[in-house]
Amino acid sequence: MTEPQGTADRVVASALRCLVRTGLRAMTVDDVAADAGVSRATLYRAFPGGRDTILAAVVDAELARLLDVVRTATEGAPDLRGALVAGLRAAAAWLEGHEVLDRLMFDEPATLLTHLEFEQMDRTLAALTARVAPLLARFVDPVLAERVGEWTARIAVSYLLFPADDVDLCEPRDVGWLVDRYVVPGVAAAAAGAVREGETVSTKLS
């Protein structure tokens, strides 16, 4: 028997609340089930893998919410640079106000970083790139959009996890500097290299 979608949504919402209250290390399946008002059996029917499966669903749900924020921010951008600046600022503001991340970064930074190392970080970046690239495809070719999405995701993750005193991702000037310094030159070089190889690459940087 498959549990209705509403059960999965309730469990994910409860897991977020539990993460805020107890943190990542202390959160248990029993905590989530109690908060969601479901039995352990019901929870495990919706999430056969238990805690790890729930956490993966939480990440997927929050990535979807983040993408909605970025999509809204980039819709009116006239060019690639404008889209990148608007998207980075919107993502940074959303993440800065995220209760779970705020709790984990303050109380359990080592635990959070462990979940973002090696293969997990690669999976997170791949998921971000897959979601961001289509938003950039109206400015550059799809293949280049994937590269730009990955570069931008790596920059954002680096500065969000390890903030620099002189860079604020919520400030237009700072974000513009990052985009101009690290992304735009790469886009121009990639486009130029493709043209030399006989490919057709369209770019709309500004």
C-alpha atoms as a PDB file:
ATOM      1  CA  MET A   1       0.000   0.000   0.000  1.00  0.00           C
ATOM      2  CA  THR A   2       1.403   3.407  -0.969  1.00  0.00           C
ATOM      3  CA  GLU A   3       0.936   6.270   1.468  1.00  0.00           C
ATOM      4  CA  PRO A   4      -0.739   9.400   0.089  1.00  0.00           C
ATOM      5  CA  GLN A   5       1.489  12.269  -0.971  1.00  0.00           C
ATOM      6  CA  GLY A   6       0.178  14.334   1.930  1.00  0.00           C
ATOM      7  CA  THR A   7       1.917  12.031   4.394  1.00  0.00           C
ATOM      8  CA  ALA A   8       5.305  12.549   2.769  1.00  0.00           C
ATOM      9  CA  ASP A   9       4.805  16.318   2.761  1.00  0.00           C
ATOM     10  CA  ARG A  10       3.852  16.304   6.444  1.00  0.00           C
ATOM     11  CA  VAL A  11       6.899  14.242   7.342  1.00  0.00           C
ATOM     12  CA  VAL A  12       9.231  16.571   5.438  1.00  0.00           C
ATOM     13  CA  ALA A  13       7.704  19.629   7.126  1.00  0.00           C
ATOM     14  CA  SER A  14       8.023  17.931  10.516  1.00  0.00           C
ATOM     15  CA  ALA A  15      11.635  17.004   9.846  1.00  0.00           C
ATOM     16  CA  LEU A  16      12.417  20.671   9.185  1.00  0.00           C
ATOM     17  CA  ARG A  17      10.816  21.673  12.478  1.00  0.00           C
ATOM     18  CA  CYS A  18      12.707  18.936  14.319  1.00  0.00           C
ATOM     19  CA  LEU A  19      15.991  20.032  12.785  1.00  0.00           C
ATOM     20  CA  VAL A  20      15.414  23.544  14.086  1.00  0.00           C
ATOM     21  CA  ARG A  21      14.557  22.253  17.570  1.00  0.00           C
ATOM     22  CA  THR A  22      17.075  19.458  18.062  1.00  0.00           C
ATOM     23  CA  GLY A  23      19.692  19.784  15.352  1.00  0.00           C
ATOM     24  CA  LEU A  24      20.871  17.149  12.908  1.00  0.00           C
ATOM     25  CA  ARG A  25      22.709  14.763  15.216  1.00  0.00           C
ATOM     26  CA  ALA A  26      19.910  14.495  17.769  1.00  0.00           C
ATOM     27  CA  MET A  27      16.974  14.235  15.388  1.00  0.00           C
ATOM     28  CA  THR A  28      15.348  10.783  15.393  1.00  0.00           C
ATOM     29  CA  VAL A  29      12.659   9.070  13.363  1.00  0.00           C
ATOM     30  CA  ASP A  30      10.497   8.995  16.488  1.00  0.00           C
ATOM     31  CA  ASP A  31      10.809  12.789  16.815  1.00  0.00           C
ATOM     32  CA  VAL A  32       9.659  13.277  13.235  1.00  0.00           C
ATOM     33  CA  ALA A  33       6.803  10.793  13.505  1.00  0.00           C
ATOM     34  CA  ALA A  34       5.522  12.407  16.698  1.00  0.00           C
ATOM     35  CA  ASP A  35       5.666  15.893  15.215  1.00  0.00           C
ATOM     36  CA  ALA A  36       3.896  14.744  12.046  1.00  0.00           C
ATOM     37  CA  GLY A  37       1.239  12.894  14.052  1.00  0.00           C
ATOM     38  CA  VAL A  38       1.867   9.580  12.313  1.00  0.00           C
ATOM     39  CA  SER A  39       2.969   6.159  13.504  1.00  0.00           C
ATOM     40  CA  ARG A  40       6.443   4.755  12.846  1.00  0.00           C
ATOM     41  CA  ALA A  41       4.867   2.214  10.495  1.00  0.00           C
ATOM     42  CA  THR A  42       3.173   4.956   8.485  1.00  0.00           C
ATOM     43  CA  LEU A  43       6.382   6.963   8.341  1.00  0.00           C
ATOM     44  CA  TYR A  44       8.396   3.974   7.143  1.00  0.00           C
ATOM     45  CA  ARG A  45       5.848   3.198   4.447  1.00  0.00           C
ATOM     46  CA  ALA A  46       6.364   6.706   3.089  1.00  0.00           C
ATOM     47  CA  PHE A  47      10.155   6.640   3.694  1.00  0.00           C
ATOM     48  CA  PRO A  48      11.394   3.006   3.707  1.00  0.00           C
ATOM     49  CA  GLY A  49      14.963   4.143   4.280  1.00  0.00           C
ATOM     50  CA  GLY A  50      14.098   5.925   7.490  1.00  0.00           C
ATOM     51  CA  ARG A  51      16.129   8.903   8.659  1.00  0.00           C
ATOM     52  CA  ASP A  52      18.489   9.136   5.687  1.00  0.00           C
ATOM     53  CA  THR A  53      15.616   8.979   3.222  1.00  0.00           C
ATOM     54  CA  ILE A  54      13.766  11.698   5.119  1.00  0.00           C
ATOM     55  CA  LEU A  55      16.829  13.936   5.129  1.00  0.00           C
ATOM     56  CA  ALA A  56      17.271  13.412   1.382  1.00  0.00           C
ATOM     57  CA  ALA A  57      13.629  14.399   0.841  1.00  0.00           C
ATOM     58  CA  VAL A  58      14.144  17.509   2.966  1.00  0.00           C
ATOM     59  CA  VAL A  59      17.127  18.520   0.831  1.00  0.00           C
ATOM     60  CA  ASP A  60      15.153  17.954  -2.384  1.00  0.00           C
ATOM     61  CA  ALA A  61      12.201  19.975  -1.091  1.00  0.00           C
ATOM     62  CA  GLU A  62      14.388  22.866   0.026  1.00  0.00           C
ATOM     63  CA  LEU A  63      16.291  22.874  -3.265  1.00  0.00           C
ATOM     64  CA  ALA A  64      12.972  23.161  -5.061  1.00  0.00           C
ATOM     65  CA  ARG A  65      11.999  26.118  -2.874  1.00  0.00           C
ATOM     66  CA  LEU A  66      15.371  27.747  -3.501  1.00  0.00           C
ATOM     67  CA  LEU A  67      14.982  27.260  -7.233  1.00  0.00           C
ATOM     68  CA  ASP A  68      11.616  29.013  -7.143  1.00  0.00           C
ATOM     69  CA  VAL A  69      13.255  31.993  -5.449  1.00  0.00           C
ATOM     70  CA  VAL A  70      16.087  32.089  -7.996  1.00  0.00           C
ATOM     71  CA  ARG A  71      13.706  31.644 -10.938  1.00  0.00           C
ATOM     72  CA  THR A  72      11.571  34.571  -9.779  1.00  0.00           C
ATOM     73  CA  ALA A  73      14.662  36.749  -9.288  1.00  0.00           C
ATOM     74  CA  THR A  74      16.074  36.026 -12.745  1.00  0.00           C
ATOM     75  CA  GLU A  75      12.870  36.250 -14.793  1.00  0.00           C
ATOM     76  CA  GLY A  76      13.258  39.925 -15.626  1.00  0.00           C
ATOM     77  CA  ALA A  77      17.023  39.930 -16.165  1.00  0.00           C
ATOM     78  CA  PRO A  78      18.036  41.433 -19.526  1.00  0.00           C
ATOM     79  CA  ASP A  79      21.300  39.507 -19.859  1.00  0.00           C
ATOM     80  CA  LEU A  80      23.429  36.737 -18.353  1.00  0.00           C
ATOM     81  CA  ARG A  81      25.300  38.991 -15.953  1.00  0.00           C
ATOM     82  CA  GLY A  82      22.072  40.463 -14.658  1.00  0.00           C
ATOM     83  CA  ALA A  83      20.575  37.006 -14.176  1.00  0.00           C
ATOM     84  CA  LEU A  84      23.621  35.751 -12.289  1.00  0.00           C
ATOM     85  CA  VAL A  85      23.760  38.773  -9.994  1.00  0.00           C
ATOM     86  CA  ALA A  86      20.026  38.671  -9.274  1.00  0.00           C
ATOM     87  CA  GLY A  87      20.024  34.908  -8.776  1.00  0.00           C
ATOM     88  CA  LEU A  88      23.017  34.886  -6.446  1.00  0.00           C
ATOM     89  CA  ARG A  89      21.626  37.713  -4.335  1.00  0.00           C
ATOM     90  CA  ALA A  90      18.223  36.069  -4.052  1.00  0.00           C
ATOM     91  CA  ALA A  91      19.762  32.698  -3.153  1.00  0.00           C
ATOM     92  CA  ALA A  92      22.033  34.248  -0.536  1.00  0.00           C
ATOM     93  CA  ALA A  93      19.164  36.154   1.076  1.00  0.00           C
ATOM     94  CA  TRP A  94      16.995  33.020   1.177  1.00  0.00           C
ATOM     95  CA  LEU A  95      19.760  30.884   2.634  1.00  0.00           C
ATOM     96  CA  GLU A  96      20.692  33.567   5.163  1.00  0.00           C
ATOM     97  CA  GLY A  97      17.170  33.449   6.551  1.00  0.00           C
ATOM     98  CA  HIS A  98      16.912  29.649   6.560  1.00  0.00           C
ATOM     99  CA  GLU A  99      16.270  28.502  10.135  1.00  0.00           C
ATOM    100  CA  VAL A 100      17.708  25.002   9.717  1.00  0.00           C
ATOM    101  CA  LEU A 101      20.941  26.143   8.097  1.00  0.00           C
ATOM    102  CA  ASP A 102      21.299  28.914  10.659  1.00  0.00           C
ATOM    103  CA  ARG A 103      20.918  26.394  13.483  1.00  0.00           C
ATOM    104  CA  LEU A 104      23.350  23.920  11.957  1.00  0.00           C
ATOM    105  CA  MET A 105      25.982  26.498  11.039  1.00  0.00           C
ATOM    106  CA  PHE A 106      25.885  27.882  14.582  1.00  0.00           C
ATOM    107  CA  ASP A 107      25.617  24.663  16.627  1.00  0.00           C
ATOM    108  CA  GLU A 108      26.834  21.857  14.353  1.00  0.00           C
ATOM    109  CA  PRO A 109      29.120  23.249  11.644  1.00  0.00           C
ATOM    110  CA  ALA A 110      31.286  20.118  11.598  1.00  0.00           C
ATOM    111  CA  THR A 111      28.224  17.886  11.177  1.00  0.00           C
ATOM    112  CA  LEU A 112      26.875  20.050   8.365  1.00  0.00           C
ATOM    113  CA  LEU A 113      30.217  20.139   6.558  1.00  0.00           C
ATOM    114  CA  THR A 114      30.509  16.347   6.858  1.00  0.00           C
ATOM    115  CA  HIS A 115      27.254  16.048   4.911  1.00  0.00           C
ATOM    116  CA  LEU A 116      28.633  18.390   2.235  1.00  0.00           C
ATOM    117  CA  GLU A 117      31.983  16.715   1.674  1.00  0.00           C
ATOM    118  CA  PHE A 118      33.208  14.579  -1.218  1.00  0.00           C
ATOM    119  CA  GLU A 119      30.440  12.613  -3.001  1.00  0.00           C
ATOM    120  CA  GLN A 120      27.636  14.453  -1.222  1.00  0.00           C
ATOM    121  CA  MET A 121      28.992  17.825  -2.328  1.00  0.00           C
ATOM    122  CA  ASP A 122      29.285  16.528  -5.900  1.00  0.00           C
ATOM    123  CA  ARG A 123      25.653  15.372  -5.767  1.00  0.00           C
ATOM    124  CA  THR A 124      24.536  18.710  -4.334  1.00  0.00           C
ATOM    125  CA  LEU A 125      26.398  20.663  -7.012  1.00  0.00           C
ATOM    126  CA  ALA A 126      25.031  18.379  -9.747  1.00  0.00           C
ATOM    127  CA  ALA A 127      21.491  18.934  -8.461  1.00  0.00           C
ATOM    128  CA  LEU A 128      21.998  22.700  -8.320  1.00  0.00           C
ATOM    129  CA  THR A 129      23.532  22.782 -11.800  1.00  0.00           C
ATOM    130  CA  ALA A 130      20.688  20.750 -13.314  1.00  0.00           C
ATOM    131  CA  ARG A 131      18.168  23.178 -11.868  1.00  0.00           C
ATOM    132  CA  VAL A 132      20.015  26.428 -12.596  1.00  0.00           C
ATOM    133  CA  ALA A 133      21.184  25.693 -16.150  1.00  0.00           C
ATOM    134  CA  PRO A 134      17.700  25.954 -17.750  1.00  0.00           C
ATOM    135  CA  LEU A 135      17.328  29.431 -16.230  1.00  0.00           C
ATOM    136  CA  LEU A 136      20.485  30.541 -18.065  1.00  0.00           C
ATOM    137  CA  ALA A 137      19.785  28.829 -21.390  1.00  0.00           C
ATOM    138  CA  ARG A 138      18.044  31.905 -22.807  1.00  0.00           C
ATOM    139  CA  PHE A 139      21.357  33.767 -22.630  1.00  0.00           C
ATOM    140  CA  VAL A 140      23.863  31.073 -23.687  1.00  0.00           C
ATOM    141  CA  ASP A 141      23.778  27.704 -25.412  1.00  0.00           C
ATOM    142  CA  PRO A 142      22.549  24.826 -23.208  1.00  0.00           C
ATOM    143  CA  VAL A 143      25.973  23.176 -22.858  1.00  0.00           C
ATOM    144  CA  LEU A 144      27.575  26.444 -21.800  1.00  0.00           C
ATOM    145  CA  ALA A 145      24.615  27.138 -19.511  1.00  0.00           C
ATOM    146  CA  GLU A 146      25.466  23.958 -17.600  1.00  0.00           C
ATOM    147  CA  ARG A 147      29.077  25.083 -17.167  1.00  0.00           C
ATOM    148  CA  VAL A 148      28.032  28.540 -16.033  1.00  0.00           C
ATOM    149  CA  GLY A 149      25.508  27.030 -13.633  1.00  0.00           C
ATOM    150  CA  GLU A 150      28.185  24.817 -12.095  1.00  0.00           C
ATOM    151  CA  TRP A 151      30.728  27.637 -11.802  1.00  0.00           C
ATOM    152  CA  THR A 152      28.169  29.879 -10.156  1.00  0.00           C
ATOM    153  CA  ALA A 153      26.997  27.149  -7.776  1.00  0.00           C
ATOM    154  CA  ARG A 154      30.577  26.437  -6.701  1.00  0.00           C
ATOM    155  CA  ILE A 155      31.253  30.109  -6.061  1.00  0.00           C
ATOM    156  CA  ALA A 156      28.031  30.531  -4.103  1.00  0.00           C
ATOM    157  CA  VAL A 157      28.609  27.433  -1.953  1.00  0.00           C
ATOM    158  CA  SER A 158      32.222  28.469  -1.243  1.00  0.00           C
ATOM    159  CA  TYR A 159      31.320  31.967  -0.076  1.00  0.00           C
ATOM    160  CA  LEU A 160      28.239  30.843   1.854  1.00  0.00           C
ATOM    161  CA  LEU A 161      30.069  28.113   3.764  1.00  0.00           C
ATOM    162  CA  PHE A 162      33.256  30.126   4.234  1.00  0.00           C
ATOM    163  CA  PRO A 163      32.252  33.822   4.226  1.00  0.00           C
ATOM    164  CA  ALA A 164      34.803  36.490   3.408  1.00  0.00           C
ATOM    165  CA  ASP A 165      34.815  39.703   5.418  1.00  0.00           C
ATOM    166  CA  ASP A 166      34.893  41.830   2.273  1.00  0.00           C
ATOM    167  CA  VAL A 167      32.217  39.978   0.264  1.00  0.00           C
ATOM    168  CA  ASP A 168      28.493  40.041   1.052  1.00  0.00           C
ATOM    169  CA  LEU A 169      26.402  37.977  -1.337  1.00  0.00           C
ATOM    170  CA  CYS A 170      23.362  40.089  -0.512  1.00  0.00           C
ATOM    171  CA  GLU A 171      25.069  43.256  -1.750  1.00  0.00           C
ATOM    172  CA  PRO A 172      24.727  44.001  -5.510  1.00  0.00           C
ATOM    173  CA  ARG A 173      28.212  45.512  -5.753  1.00  0.00           C
ATOM    174  CA  ASP A 174      29.924  42.514  -4.144  1.00  0.00           C
ATOM    175  CA  VAL A 175      27.970  39.991  -6.203  1.00  0.00           C
ATOM    176  CA  GLY A 176      28.637  41.969  -9.374  1.00  0.00           C
ATOM    177  CA  TRP A 177      32.345  41.877  -8.598  1.00  0.00           C
ATOM    178  CA  LEU A 178      32.294  38.093  -8.118  1.00  0.00           C
ATOM    179  CA  VAL A 179      30.416  37.558 -11.368  1.00  0.00           C
ATOM    180  CA  ASP A 180      32.714  39.919 -13.312  1.00  0.00           C
ATOM    181  CA  ARG A 181      35.854  38.437 -11.771  1.00  0.00           C
ATOM    182  CA  TYR A 182      35.126  34.720 -11.878  1.00  0.00           C
ATOM    183  CA  VAL A 183      32.227  33.946 -14.200  1.00  0.00           C
ATOM    184  CA  VAL A 184      32.057  36.393 -17.106  1.00  0.00           C
ATOM    185  CA  PRO A 185      35.698  35.802 -18.205  1.00  0.00           C
ATOM    186  CA  GLY A 186      35.097  32.049 -18.205  1.00  0.00           C
ATOM    187  CA  VAL A 187      31.959  32.437 -20.306  1.00  0.00           C
ATOM    188  CA  ALA A 188      33.781  34.636 -22.816  1.00  0.00           C
ATOM    189  CA  ALA A 189      36.728  32.220 -23.015  1.00  0.00           C
ATOM    190  CA  ALA A 190      34.473  29.196 -23.421  1.00  0.00           C
ATOM    191  CA  ALA A 191      32.477  30.911 -26.147  1.00  0.00           C
ATOM    192  CA  ALA A 192      35.634  32.010 -27.958  1.00  0.00           C
ATOM    193  CA  GLY A 193      37.095  28.511 -27.768  1.00  0.00           C
ATOM    194  CA  ALA A 194      33.945  26.983 -29.186  1.00  0.00           C
ATOM    195  CA  VAL A 195      33.920  29.432 -32.065  1.00  0.00           C
ATOM    196  CA  ARG A 196      37.531  28.567 -32.911  1.00  0.00           C
ATOM    197  CA  GLU A 197      36.477  24.914 -33.059  1.00  0.00           C
ATOM    198  CA  GLY A 198      33.695  25.723 -35.502  1.00  0.00           C
ATOM    199  CA  GLU A 199      30.740  25.509 -33.115  1.00  0.00           C
ATOM    200  CA  THR A 200      27.981  28.087 -32.902  1.00  0.00           C
ATOM    201  CA  VAL A 201      27.722  29.635 -29.466  1.00  0.00           C
ATOM    202  CA  SER A 202      25.404  32.508 -28.666  1.00  0.00           C
ATOM    203  CA  THR A 203      26.053  34.653 -25.616  1.00  0.00           C
ATOM    204  CA  LYS A 204      24.301  37.616 -24.154  1.00  0.00           C
ATOM    205  CA  LEU A 205      26.526  38.826 -21.343  1.00  0.00           C
ATOM    206  CA  SER A 206      25.311  42.408 -21.156  1.00  0.00           C
END
